[in-house]
Protein backbone atom coordinates (compact mmCIF):
# COMPACT_ATOMS: atom_id res chain seq x y z
CA MET A 1 34.90 63.21 26.58
CA GLN A 2 34.03 64.61 23.16
CA SER A 3 37.41 66.33 22.92
CA GLU A 4 39.11 63.03 23.65
CA ASP A 5 36.92 61.25 21.09
CA ARG A 6 38.55 63.37 18.39
CA ARG A 7 41.78 61.51 19.16
CA MET A 8 39.92 58.26 18.57
CA LEU A 9 39.01 59.32 15.01
CA ALA A 10 42.58 60.39 14.35
CA ALA A 11 43.79 56.99 15.56
CA LEU A 12 41.51 55.25 13.08
CA ARG A 13 42.87 57.36 10.22
CA GLU A 14 46.42 56.50 11.23
CA ALA A 15 45.57 52.79 11.20
CA ARG A 16 43.78 52.80 7.82
CA ARG A 17 46.54 50.88 6.00
CA GLU A 18 46.30 48.02 8.49
CA ILE A 19 42.49 48.15 8.46
CA VAL A 20 42.62 47.68 4.68
CA ARG A 21 44.98 44.72 5.07
CA ALA A 22 42.63 43.15 7.61
CA ALA A 23 39.65 43.71 5.28
CA GLU A 24 41.55 42.05 2.42
CA ALA A 25 42.31 39.05 4.63
CA PHE A 26 38.65 38.86 5.68
CA ALA A 27 37.49 38.98 2.04
CA ALA A 28 40.03 36.34 1.01
CA THR A 29 38.82 34.04 3.79
CA PHE A 30 35.26 34.22 2.45
CA ARG A 31 36.32 33.71 -1.16
CA GLU A 32 38.31 30.63 -0.20
CA GLY A 33 35.49 29.09 1.84
CA GLY A 34 36.99 29.70 5.26
CA THR A 35 35.48 30.89 8.53
CA CYS A 36 36.25 34.08 10.40
CA PHE A 37 36.49 33.79 14.18
CA LEU A 38 36.46 36.82 16.48
CA PHE A 39 37.89 36.33 19.97
CA GLY A 40 37.54 38.86 22.78
CA ALA A 41 36.96 39.34 26.48
CA GLY A 42 34.73 41.84 28.28
CA THR A 43 33.85 44.89 26.19
CA SER A 44 35.97 43.61 23.31
CA GLY A 45 34.18 40.26 23.37
CA ARG A 46 30.79 41.96 23.32
CA LEU A 47 31.86 44.08 20.35
CA ALA A 48 32.90 40.88 18.58
CA VAL A 49 29.49 39.34 19.30
CA ILE A 50 27.69 42.42 17.94
CA GLU A 51 29.74 42.39 14.74
CA ALA A 52 29.15 38.70 14.06
CA ALA A 53 25.42 38.94 14.85
CA GLU A 54 24.78 41.87 12.52
CA LEU A 55 26.45 40.52 9.38
CA PRO A 56 23.82 37.92 8.29
CA PRO A 57 20.86 40.34 8.04
CA THR A 58 23.03 43.03 6.47
CA PHE A 59 24.99 40.97 3.95
CA GLY A 60 23.07 37.70 3.74
CA THR A 61 25.98 35.69 5.11
CA ASP A 62 25.84 32.27 6.73
CA PRO A 63 26.03 32.76 10.54
CA LYS A 64 28.46 29.83 10.67
CA ARG A 65 30.99 31.74 8.56
CA VAL A 66 31.61 34.52 11.12
CA VAL A 67 31.71 33.26 14.70
CA ALA A 68 32.30 35.34 17.82
CA ILE A 69 33.80 33.69 20.89
CA ILE A 70 33.81 35.61 24.17
CA ALA A 71 35.82 34.71 27.25
CA GLY A 72 33.54 33.22 29.88
CA GLY A 73 30.98 31.93 27.38
CA ARG A 74 27.56 33.24 26.35
CA GLY A 75 26.67 34.45 29.83
CA ALA A 76 29.55 36.93 29.71
CA VAL A 77 27.70 38.84 26.99
CA PHE A 78 25.16 40.03 29.58
CA ARG A 79 27.15 40.07 32.79
CA ALA A 80 30.87 40.64 33.34
CA ARG A 81 32.84 37.53 34.30
CA GLU A 82 36.01 38.83 35.85
CA GLY A 83 39.00 36.56 35.45
CA ALA A 84 37.79 34.85 32.27
CA GLU A 85 40.12 37.07 30.24
CA ASP A 86 43.13 35.64 32.11
CA ASN A 87 42.54 32.07 30.93
CA TYR A 88 45.16 31.48 28.24
CA GLY A 89 44.31 27.78 28.02
CA ASP A 90 40.66 28.50 27.30
CA GLY A 91 41.67 30.71 24.39
CA VAL A 92 43.92 27.94 23.06
CA ARG A 93 41.18 25.33 23.46
CA ARG A 94 38.49 27.39 21.78
CA ALA A 95 40.71 28.22 18.80
CA THR A 96 41.50 24.57 18.12
CA ARG A 97 38.77 24.43 15.46
CA ALA A 98 40.57 27.06 13.35
CA ARG A 99 42.15 25.69 10.18
CA LYS A 100 44.38 26.88 7.38
CA LEU A 101 41.63 28.58 5.35
CA ASP A 102 40.29 30.47 8.36
CA LEU A 103 40.93 33.90 9.82
CA VAL A 104 41.14 34.56 13.56
CA ILE A 105 40.69 38.14 14.70
CA GLY A 106 41.69 38.90 18.25
CA VAL A 107 39.88 41.90 19.74
CA SER A 108 41.52 43.43 22.80
CA ALA A 109 40.93 47.10 23.48
CA SER A 110 43.55 47.42 26.22
CA SER A 111 46.50 45.11 26.82
CA VAL A 112 46.24 41.83 24.94
CA THR A 113 44.42 39.51 27.32
CA ALA A 114 45.69 35.99 27.93
CA PHE A 115 42.47 34.56 26.45
CA VAL A 116 42.97 36.42 23.16
CA ARG A 117 46.68 35.68 23.01
CA GLY A 118 45.99 31.99 23.54
CA ALA A 119 43.52 32.01 20.66
CA LEU A 120 45.95 33.82 18.35
CA ASP A 121 48.84 31.51 19.28
CA ARG A 122 46.79 28.39 18.64
CA ALA A 123 45.39 29.76 15.37
CA ARG A 124 48.89 30.44 14.05
CA GLU A 125 50.00 26.95 15.03
CA ARG A 126 47.14 25.59 12.91
CA GLY A 127 48.07 27.73 9.92
CA ALA A 128 45.16 30.20 10.12
CA ARG A 129 45.67 33.87 9.27
CA THR A 130 45.55 36.18 12.29
CA VAL A 131 44.63 39.80 12.99
CA LEU A 132 44.80 41.71 16.26
CA VAL A 133 42.66 44.82 16.77
CA THR A 134 43.87 46.64 19.86
CA ALA A 135 44.53 50.00 21.49
CA SER A 136 47.50 48.54 23.35
CA GLY A 137 51.04 49.74 22.94
CA SER A 138 52.60 46.86 24.88
CA PRO A 139 56.17 45.91 23.89
CA GLY A 140 56.35 42.99 21.47
CA ILE A 141 52.69 43.27 20.50
CA GLU A 142 53.67 43.34 16.82
CA GLU A 143 54.48 39.64 17.07
CA ALA A 144 51.04 38.64 18.34
CA ALA A 145 49.38 38.40 14.90
CA ASP A 146 50.08 38.55 11.18
CA ILE A 147 48.29 41.89 10.92
CA LEU A 148 48.23 44.41 13.76
CA VAL A 149 45.51 47.07 13.74
CA ARG A 150 46.76 49.30 16.52
CA LEU A 151 44.50 52.17 17.53
CA ASP A 152 46.51 54.75 19.44
CA THR A 153 43.60 56.35 21.28
CA GLY A 154 45.60 57.45 24.33
CA PRO A 155 44.50 57.44 28.00
CA GLU A 156 40.80 57.35 28.84
CA VAL A 157 38.95 60.17 30.62
CA VAL A 158 38.14 57.58 33.27
CA ALA A 159 41.53 55.90 33.60
CA GLY A 160 41.53 52.31 32.40
CA SER A 161 37.89 52.28 31.24
CA THR A 162 38.47 50.99 27.72
CA ARG A 163 34.73 50.74 27.09
CA LEU A 164 35.10 54.45 26.23
CA LYS A 165 37.14 55.70 23.25
CA ALA A 166 39.24 52.54 22.91
CA GLY A 167 36.05 50.48 22.71
CA THR A 168 34.43 52.94 20.31
CA ALA A 169 37.48 52.92 18.04
CA THR A 170 37.46 49.12 18.12
CA LYS A 171 33.79 49.02 17.13
CA ILE A 172 34.43 51.35 14.19
CA ALA A 173 37.49 49.40 13.08
CA LEU A 174 35.51 46.14 13.05
CA ASN A 175 32.72 47.87 11.07
CA GLN A 176 35.27 49.08 8.53
CA ILE A 177 36.99 45.70 8.20
CA THR A 178 33.82 43.71 7.58
CA THR A 179 32.02 46.32 5.46
CA ALA A 180 35.02 46.91 3.20
CA ALA A 181 35.49 43.16 2.84
CA PHE A 182 31.90 42.53 1.80
CA ALA A 183 31.74 45.61 -0.43
CA SER A 184 34.75 44.29 -2.34
CA SER A 185 33.04 40.89 -2.54
CA GLY A 186 29.99 42.24 -4.39
CA LYS A 187 27.61 42.45 -1.44
CA VAL A 188 27.29 46.21 -1.80
CA PHE A 189 26.13 47.98 -4.97
CA GLY A 190 26.50 51.75 -4.84
CA PRO A 191 25.33 52.58 -1.30
CA TRP A 192 22.96 49.60 -1.12
CA MET A 193 23.22 46.29 0.76
CA VAL A 194 22.06 44.07 -2.08
CA ASP A 195 22.44 40.75 -0.24
CA LEU A 196 20.33 41.66 2.77
CA ARG A 197 17.93 39.09 4.20
CA ALA A 198 14.48 40.69 4.41
CA GLY A 199 13.38 38.88 7.56
CA SER A 200 11.40 41.73 9.08
CA ALA A 201 8.95 44.41 7.98
CA LYS A 202 11.71 47.02 8.20
CA LEU A 203 14.06 45.01 5.99
CA ARG A 204 11.29 44.15 3.51
CA ASP A 205 10.59 47.84 3.15
CA ARG A 206 14.32 48.50 2.73
CA ALA A 207 14.51 45.83 0.01
CA VAL A 208 11.73 47.60 -1.90
CA ARG A 209 13.50 50.94 -1.58
CA ILE A 210 16.82 49.45 -2.72
CA VAL A 211 15.33 47.79 -5.80
CA ALA A 212 13.39 50.93 -6.70
CA ALA A 213 16.48 53.14 -6.38
CA ALA A 214 18.82 50.72 -8.18
CA THR A 215 16.45 50.21 -11.11
CA GLY A 216 15.01 53.72 -11.31
CA GLY A 217 11.50 52.36 -10.89
CA THR A 218 8.61 52.99 -8.54
CA PRO A 219 8.12 51.19 -5.22
CA ARG A 220 5.15 49.40 -6.77
CA LYS A 221 7.26 48.07 -9.63
CA ALA A 222 10.00 47.11 -7.16
CA ARG A 223 7.50 45.01 -5.18
CA VAL A 224 6.48 43.19 -8.36
CA LEU A 225 10.13 42.49 -9.22
CA LEU A 226 10.86 41.23 -5.71
CA SER A 227 7.78 38.99 -5.80
CA ARG A 228 8.92 37.44 -9.08
CA ALA A 229 12.45 37.08 -7.69
CA ASN A 230 11.26 35.38 -4.48
CA GLY A 231 12.54 38.31 -2.46
CA GLU A 232 16.10 38.17 -3.87
CA VAL A 233 17.28 41.77 -4.14
CA LYS A 234 20.12 41.13 -6.60
CA THR A 235 17.90 39.03 -8.85
CA ALA A 236 15.22 41.72 -8.83
CA ILE A 237 17.77 44.40 -9.77
CA VAL A 238 19.11 42.39 -12.70
CA MET A 239 15.53 41.79 -13.86
CA GLY A 240 14.61 45.45 -13.56
CA ARG A 241 17.70 46.80 -15.29
CA SER A 242 17.99 44.21 -18.07
CA GLY A 243 14.48 42.94 -18.66
CA ALA A 244 15.65 39.38 -17.99
CA SER A 245 13.41 36.75 -16.45
CA ALA A 246 14.04 35.63 -12.87
CA ALA A 247 15.63 32.40 -14.10
CA ARG A 248 17.94 34.23 -16.49
CA ALA A 249 18.85 36.82 -13.86
CA ARG A 250 19.81 34.05 -11.42
CA ARG A 251 21.96 32.37 -14.09
CA ARG A 252 23.78 35.62 -14.69
CA LEU A 253 24.49 35.95 -10.98
CA GLU A 254 25.63 32.33 -10.76
CA GLU A 255 27.97 32.84 -13.72
CA THR A 256 29.52 35.88 -12.03
CA LYS A 257 29.59 34.31 -8.54
CA GLY A 258 27.12 36.86 -7.22
CA ASP A 259 28.90 39.93 -8.61
CA LEU A 260 25.99 42.23 -9.48
CA ARG A 261 28.08 44.65 -11.53
CA ALA A 262 29.41 41.84 -13.69
CA ALA A 263 25.95 40.26 -14.02
CA LEU A 264 24.53 43.51 -15.36
CA LYS A 265 27.16 43.54 -18.13
CA ILE A 266 26.26 40.10 -19.51
């Protein structure tokens, strides 16, 4: 299995140009006020759900801006619902809310399921941008979406079990698309997630460590900055690096639309 997984990493490298294009489309959707929808069935649907769920705490995004839709509904996240992937009409119906400013990403590790194809077809009819992330080499697949991220992972060790390297490659590709998009949108500063939502003890501790590292101060000073900034990591960093008040630091960030690098130059 580990030998075969090396092919999975090679497939990701070969698809990097398309991954970048997908990340650029994702970033543009956010800049323009659109919503990103991820459609998938089975393993692919669960990977879509994981990606959408993890973005708000990591990047401070509105959960309504990245929405995962899995064939068979919420229950299919926990228990397989065979046959749901074959429902083209359900994919069409559930993509009806997509609009011109939106991005619809179809996730389909093996052949493009009817559910995902229905969603992509309907999204294109409504003028939304479309991406397909897949390990399928089916004829004509290039026409399924505006951007095709094809991961040529080859046959599985257990034939047909795309939860293995095809699923792993899909997970990594989704990570790369969203992380690159948000990094280019100012939600990452150096190696730090500066828009995280500190909603747990672990994340509060991480916020302290980020502010301390980004400002060159001590954890104690970072806690003081975060307290004065009402827990806002970016605001605390601007305060610590420029000596600005919390109000002034927020104005700088507002003037630069949240771009921390630009705010530090004002």
